[in-house]
Amino acid sequence: MYKYAVLGSRVELKEKIPNIPGVYYHRLEKIGAEWQIKELMAPEEAVKQLHYLRYEVNDEGNLQSSYHIYSAMFNSYLYSYKNNGAYDKAEIGGERMPTEIPDL
């Protein structure tokens, strides 16, 4: 069994964004060493991605916040069972919470 976390890192947007109030989601793709902003997505499509950009435009048309959202595995569990099928123990392995954005 694996345990995942959905994390976010603040990003500064250099791209032109819409000045219409709302929350926007874009697919992100890593090309070389840089993350590139790709197509606009619906929220239900964004949550299926391993990496996406989420930003919010306030009522005045200004950028309020922008985050690179990503999924990261931070623990795995190995469960052991007795011969009769009863639970015996669980061992925790894997990584701890990442300190930087992983390339998944």
N, C-alpha and C. Protein backbone atom coordinates (compact mmCIF):
# COMPACT_ATOMS: atom_id res chain seq x y z
N MET A 1 0.86 -1.17 0.00
CA MET A 1 0.00 0.00 0.00
C MET A 1 0.90 1.23 0.00
N TYR A 2 0.50 2.24 -0.74
CA TYR A 2 1.27 3.47 -0.84
C TYR A 2 0.46 4.63 -0.32
N LYS A 3 1.14 5.61 0.23
CA LYS A 3 0.48 6.80 0.75
C LYS A 3 0.98 8.00 -0.07
N TYR A 4 0.06 8.72 -0.66
CA TYR A 4 0.40 9.87 -1.49
C TYR A 4 -0.07 11.15 -0.84
N ALA A 5 0.58 12.24 -1.18
CA ALA A 5 0.16 13.56 -0.72
C ALA A 5 0.04 14.46 -1.93
N VAL A 6 -0.91 15.36 -1.90
CA VAL A 6 -1.03 16.39 -2.92
C VAL A 6 -0.44 17.64 -2.30
N LEU A 7 0.64 18.13 -2.90
CA LEU A 7 1.40 19.25 -2.36
C LEU A 7 1.40 20.40 -3.35
N GLY A 8 1.76 21.57 -2.87
CA GLY A 8 1.84 22.73 -3.76
C GLY A 8 3.02 23.60 -3.41
N SER A 9 3.65 24.15 -4.43
CA SER A 9 4.74 25.11 -4.26
C SER A 9 4.34 26.40 -4.96
N ARG A 10 4.50 27.52 -4.27
CA ARG A 10 4.20 28.80 -4.90
C ARG A 10 5.11 29.02 -6.10
N VAL A 11 4.54 29.58 -7.15
CA VAL A 11 5.32 29.92 -8.34
C VAL A 11 4.98 31.34 -8.76
N GLU A 12 5.96 31.99 -9.36
CA GLU A 12 5.75 33.32 -9.94
C GLU A 12 5.41 33.11 -11.41
N LEU A 13 4.30 33.68 -11.85
CA LEU A 13 3.90 33.54 -13.25
C LEU A 13 4.47 34.70 -14.06
N LYS A 14 5.16 34.34 -15.14
CA LYS A 14 5.68 35.34 -16.07
C LYS A 14 4.77 35.48 -17.28
N GLU A 15 3.90 34.49 -17.46
CA GLU A 15 2.99 34.47 -18.59
C GLU A 15 1.83 35.41 -18.36
N LYS A 16 1.26 35.88 -19.46
CA LYS A 16 0.06 36.70 -19.39
C LYS A 16 -1.11 35.81 -18.98
N ILE A 17 -1.87 36.29 -18.02
CA ILE A 17 -3.01 35.51 -17.53
C ILE A 17 -4.30 36.29 -17.79
N PRO A 18 -5.45 35.61 -17.80
CA PRO A 18 -6.71 36.32 -18.01
C PRO A 18 -6.99 37.26 -16.83
N ASN A 19 -7.67 38.36 -17.09
CA ASN A 19 -8.02 39.27 -15.99
C ASN A 19 -9.46 39.07 -15.55
N ILE A 20 -10.03 37.94 -15.91
CA ILE A 20 -11.40 37.59 -15.50
C ILE A 20 -11.31 36.84 -14.18
N PRO A 21 -12.03 37.28 -13.14
CA PRO A 21 -11.96 36.61 -11.85
C PRO A 21 -12.31 35.12 -11.95
N GLY A 22 -11.56 34.32 -11.22
CA GLY A 22 -11.81 32.88 -11.20
C GLY A 22 -10.58 32.10 -10.81
N VAL A 23 -10.74 30.79 -10.80
CA VAL A 23 -9.63 29.87 -10.52
C VAL A 23 -9.36 29.10 -11.81
N TYR A 24 -8.09 29.02 -12.19
CA TYR A 24 -7.69 28.42 -13.45
C TYR A 24 -6.72 27.27 -13.21
N TYR A 25 -6.79 26.26 -14.07
CA TYR A 25 -5.93 25.08 -13.98
C TYR A 25 -5.31 24.82 -15.34
N HIS A 26 -4.00 24.58 -15.37
CA HIS A 26 -3.29 24.25 -16.60
C HIS A 26 -2.43 23.01 -16.37
N ARG A 27 -2.32 22.20 -17.40
CA ARG A 27 -1.40 21.07 -17.35
C ARG A 27 0.02 21.61 -17.39
N LEU A 28 0.93 20.97 -16.67
CA LEU A 28 2.35 21.33 -16.69
C LEU A 28 3.15 20.18 -17.28
N GLU A 29 4.17 20.53 -18.04
CA GLU A 29 5.05 19.52 -18.63
C GLU A 29 6.49 20.00 -18.45
N LYS A 30 7.35 19.08 -18.02
CA LYS A 30 8.76 19.45 -17.85
C LYS A 30 9.49 19.21 -19.15
N ILE A 31 10.09 20.27 -19.67
CA ILE A 31 10.86 20.20 -20.91
C ILE A 31 12.27 20.68 -20.54
N GLY A 32 13.21 19.76 -20.59
CA GLY A 32 14.56 20.06 -20.12
C GLY A 32 14.51 20.27 -18.62
N ALA A 33 14.98 21.42 -18.16
CA ALA A 33 14.98 21.72 -16.73
C ALA A 33 13.82 22.62 -16.32
N GLU A 34 12.98 23.02 -17.28
CA GLU A 34 11.91 23.99 -17.02
C GLU A 34 10.53 23.36 -17.11
N TRP A 35 9.62 23.82 -16.26
CA TRP A 35 8.22 23.43 -16.34
C TRP A 35 7.51 24.38 -17.29
N GLN A 36 6.81 23.82 -18.27
CA GLN A 36 6.09 24.61 -19.27
C GLN A 36 4.59 24.52 -19.01
N ILE A 37 3.92 25.67 -19.11
CA ILE A 37 2.47 25.72 -18.94
C ILE A 37 1.82 25.29 -20.25
N LYS A 38 0.92 24.33 -20.15
CA LYS A 38 0.22 23.80 -21.31
C LYS A 38 -1.25 24.19 -21.26
N GLU A 39 -2.12 23.37 -21.82
CA GLU A 39 -3.53 23.72 -22.01
C GLU A 39 -4.30 23.92 -20.70
N LEU A 40 -5.31 24.77 -20.81
CA LEU A 40 -6.26 25.01 -19.72
C LEU A 40 -7.09 23.75 -19.52
N MET A 41 -7.38 23.42 -18.26
CA MET A 41 -8.16 22.21 -17.97
C MET A 41 -9.28 22.53 -16.99
N ALA A 42 -10.29 21.68 -16.97
CA ALA A 42 -11.34 21.76 -15.95
C ALA A 42 -10.77 21.19 -14.65
N PRO A 43 -11.29 21.63 -13.49
CA PRO A 43 -10.78 21.14 -12.20
C PRO A 43 -10.81 19.61 -12.09
N GLU A 44 -11.87 18.98 -12.59
CA GLU A 44 -11.97 17.53 -12.48
C GLU A 44 -10.92 16.81 -13.33
N GLU A 45 -10.41 17.46 -14.36
CA GLU A 45 -9.34 16.90 -15.17
C GLU A 45 -7.98 17.16 -14.50
N ALA A 46 -7.85 18.32 -13.88
CA ALA A 46 -6.59 18.69 -13.22
C ALA A 46 -6.21 17.71 -12.12
N VAL A 47 -7.17 17.30 -11.32
CA VAL A 47 -6.85 16.42 -10.19
C VAL A 47 -6.38 15.04 -10.62
N LYS A 48 -6.53 14.70 -11.89
CA LYS A 48 -6.04 13.42 -12.42
C LYS A 48 -4.57 13.52 -12.85
N GLN A 49 -4.03 14.73 -12.89
CA GLN A 49 -2.66 14.96 -13.34
C GLN A 49 -1.67 14.81 -12.19
N LEU A 50 -0.44 14.42 -12.51
CA LEU A 50 0.61 14.37 -11.49
C LEU A 50 1.15 15.78 -11.20
N HIS A 51 1.11 16.65 -12.20
CA HIS A 51 1.57 18.03 -12.07
C HIS A 51 0.57 18.95 -12.75
N TYR A 52 0.20 20.04 -12.10
CA TYR A 52 -0.63 21.06 -12.75
C TYR A 52 -0.44 22.41 -12.07
N LEU A 53 -0.80 23.44 -12.80
CA LEU A 53 -0.73 24.81 -12.30
C LEU A 53 -2.13 25.23 -11.88
N ARG A 54 -2.23 25.83 -10.70
CA ARG A 54 -3.49 26.39 -10.22
C ARG A 54 -3.24 27.83 -9.85
N TYR A 55 -4.01 28.75 -10.44
CA TYR A 55 -3.89 30.14 -10.04
C TYR A 55 -5.26 30.79 -9.93
N GLU A 56 -5.31 31.83 -9.12
CA GLU A 56 -6.57 32.50 -8.84
C GLU A 56 -6.44 33.98 -9.18
N VAL A 57 -7.46 34.48 -9.87
CA VAL A 57 -7.55 35.90 -10.23
C VAL A 57 -8.67 36.51 -9.39
N ASN A 58 -8.35 37.60 -8.67
CA ASN A 58 -9.35 38.20 -7.77
C ASN A 58 -10.35 39.07 -8.53
N ASP A 59 -11.28 39.66 -7.80
CA ASP A 59 -12.35 40.45 -8.42
C ASP A 59 -11.84 41.69 -9.15
N GLU A 60 -10.63 42.16 -8.80
CA GLU A 60 -10.05 43.31 -9.50
C GLU A 60 -9.27 42.89 -10.75
N GLY A 61 -9.22 41.59 -11.03
CA GLY A 61 -8.52 41.10 -12.22
C GLY A 61 -7.04 40.89 -12.00
N ASN A 62 -6.59 40.87 -10.74
CA ASN A 62 -5.17 40.68 -10.42
C ASN A 62 -4.91 39.26 -9.93
N LEU A 63 -3.71 38.79 -10.19
CA LEU A 63 -3.31 37.48 -9.73
C LEU A 63 -3.27 37.47 -8.20
N GLN A 64 -4.01 36.56 -7.59
CA GLN A 64 -4.05 36.47 -6.14
C GLN A 64 -3.07 35.41 -5.63
N SER A 65 -3.01 34.25 -6.29
CA SER A 65 -2.09 33.19 -5.90
C SER A 65 -1.85 32.27 -7.08
N SER A 66 -0.69 31.62 -7.06
CA SER A 66 -0.38 30.64 -8.10
C SER A 66 0.49 29.54 -7.51
N TYR A 67 0.12 28.30 -7.81
CA TYR A 67 0.81 27.14 -7.24
C TYR A 67 1.06 26.07 -8.29
N HIS A 68 2.22 25.45 -8.20
CA HIS A 68 2.51 24.22 -8.91
C HIS A 68 2.06 23.11 -7.97
N ILE A 69 1.01 22.39 -8.36
CA ILE A 69 0.45 21.32 -7.54
C ILE A 69 0.99 20.00 -8.08
N TYR A 70 1.39 19.11 -7.18
CA TYR A 70 1.94 17.83 -7.60
C TYR A 70 1.63 16.75 -6.58
N SER A 71 1.63 15.52 -7.05
CA SER A 71 1.42 14.35 -6.19
C SER A 71 2.77 13.74 -5.88
N ALA A 72 2.93 13.28 -4.66
CA ALA A 72 4.18 12.64 -4.28
C ALA A 72 3.91 11.48 -3.33
N MET A 73 4.59 10.37 -3.58
CA MET A 73 4.49 9.25 -2.66
C MET A 73 5.44 9.53 -1.51
N PHE A 74 4.96 9.44 -0.29
CA PHE A 74 5.88 9.69 0.81
C PHE A 74 5.99 8.55 1.80
N ASN A 75 5.22 7.52 1.66
CA ASN A 75 5.37 6.33 2.49
C ASN A 75 4.80 5.13 1.75
N SER A 76 5.39 3.99 2.01
CA SER A 76 4.80 2.74 1.55
C SER A 76 4.72 1.83 2.76
N TYR A 77 3.77 0.94 2.74
CA TYR A 77 3.55 0.04 3.86
C TYR A 77 3.58 -1.39 3.36
N LEU A 78 4.27 -2.24 4.08
CA LEU A 78 4.31 -3.66 3.76
C LEU A 78 3.61 -4.38 4.90
N TYR A 79 2.47 -5.00 4.61
CA TYR A 79 1.68 -5.68 5.61
C TYR A 79 2.03 -7.17 5.63
N SER A 80 2.15 -7.72 6.83
CA SER A 80 2.41 -9.15 7.00
C SER A 80 1.22 -9.79 7.70
N TYR A 81 0.94 -11.03 7.32
CA TYR A 81 -0.19 -11.75 7.89
C TYR A 81 0.28 -13.11 8.40
N LYS A 82 -0.36 -13.61 9.41
CA LYS A 82 -0.07 -14.93 9.96
C LYS A 82 -0.62 -16.00 9.02
N ASN A 83 -0.21 -17.24 9.24
CA ASN A 83 -0.66 -18.35 8.39
C ASN A 83 -2.18 -18.51 8.38
N ASN A 84 -2.84 -18.13 9.49
CA ASN A 84 -4.30 -18.25 9.53
C ASN A 84 -5.01 -17.06 8.88
N GLY A 85 -4.24 -16.12 8.31
CA GLY A 85 -4.81 -14.98 7.61
C GLY A 85 -5.00 -13.75 8.48
N ALA A 86 -4.70 -13.85 9.77
CA ALA A 86 -4.84 -12.70 10.67
C ALA A 86 -3.69 -11.72 10.46
N TYR A 87 -3.98 -10.46 10.66
CA TYR A 87 -2.97 -9.40 10.55
C TYR A 87 -1.85 -9.65 11.56
N ASP A 88 -0.60 -9.45 11.12
CA ASP A 88 0.55 -9.63 12.01
C ASP A 88 1.22 -8.29 12.30
N LYS A 89 1.71 -7.60 11.25
CA LYS A 89 2.41 -6.32 11.46
C LYS A 89 2.49 -5.55 10.15
N ALA A 90 2.85 -4.26 10.29
CA ALA A 90 3.05 -3.39 9.12
C ALA A 90 4.42 -2.73 9.25
N GLU A 91 5.16 -2.72 8.16
CA GLU A 91 6.45 -2.05 8.13
C GLU A 91 6.34 -0.83 7.22
N ILE A 92 6.82 0.30 7.70
CA ILE A 92 6.78 1.54 6.92
C ILE A 92 8.10 1.71 6.19
N GLY A 93 8.00 2.00 4.90
CA GLY A 93 9.19 2.24 4.09
C GLY A 93 8.97 3.46 3.24
N GLY A 94 9.77 3.62 2.24
CA GLY A 94 9.57 4.72 1.30
C GLY A 94 10.17 6.03 1.78
N GLU A 95 9.77 7.08 1.15
CA GLU A 95 10.32 8.41 1.38
C GLU A 95 9.47 9.20 2.35
N ARG A 96 10.04 10.20 2.92
CA ARG A 96 9.31 11.17 3.72
C ARG A 96 8.83 12.27 2.77
N MET A 97 8.09 13.22 3.29
CA MET A 97 7.57 14.30 2.45
C MET A 97 8.71 14.94 1.65
N PRO A 98 8.54 15.12 0.35
CA PRO A 98 9.60 15.72 -0.46
C PRO A 98 9.81 17.20 -0.12
N THR A 99 11.04 17.65 -0.26
CA THR A 99 11.35 19.06 0.00
C THR A 99 11.40 19.86 -1.29
N GLU A 100 11.40 19.18 -2.43
CA GLU A 100 11.35 19.88 -3.72
C GLU A 100 10.44 19.11 -4.66
N ILE A 101 10.05 19.75 -5.74
CA ILE A 101 9.08 19.16 -6.68
C ILE A 101 9.71 17.96 -7.37
N PRO A 102 9.09 16.77 -7.24
CA PRO A 102 9.66 15.58 -7.88
C PRO A 102 9.31 15.50 -9.36
N ASP A 103 10.17 14.86 -10.13
CA ASP A 103 9.90 14.58 -11.55
C ASP A 103 9.20 13.24 -11.60
N LEU A 104 7.87 13.24 -11.70
CA LEU A 104 7.14 11.98 -11.72
C LEU A 104 6.83 11.57 -13.13
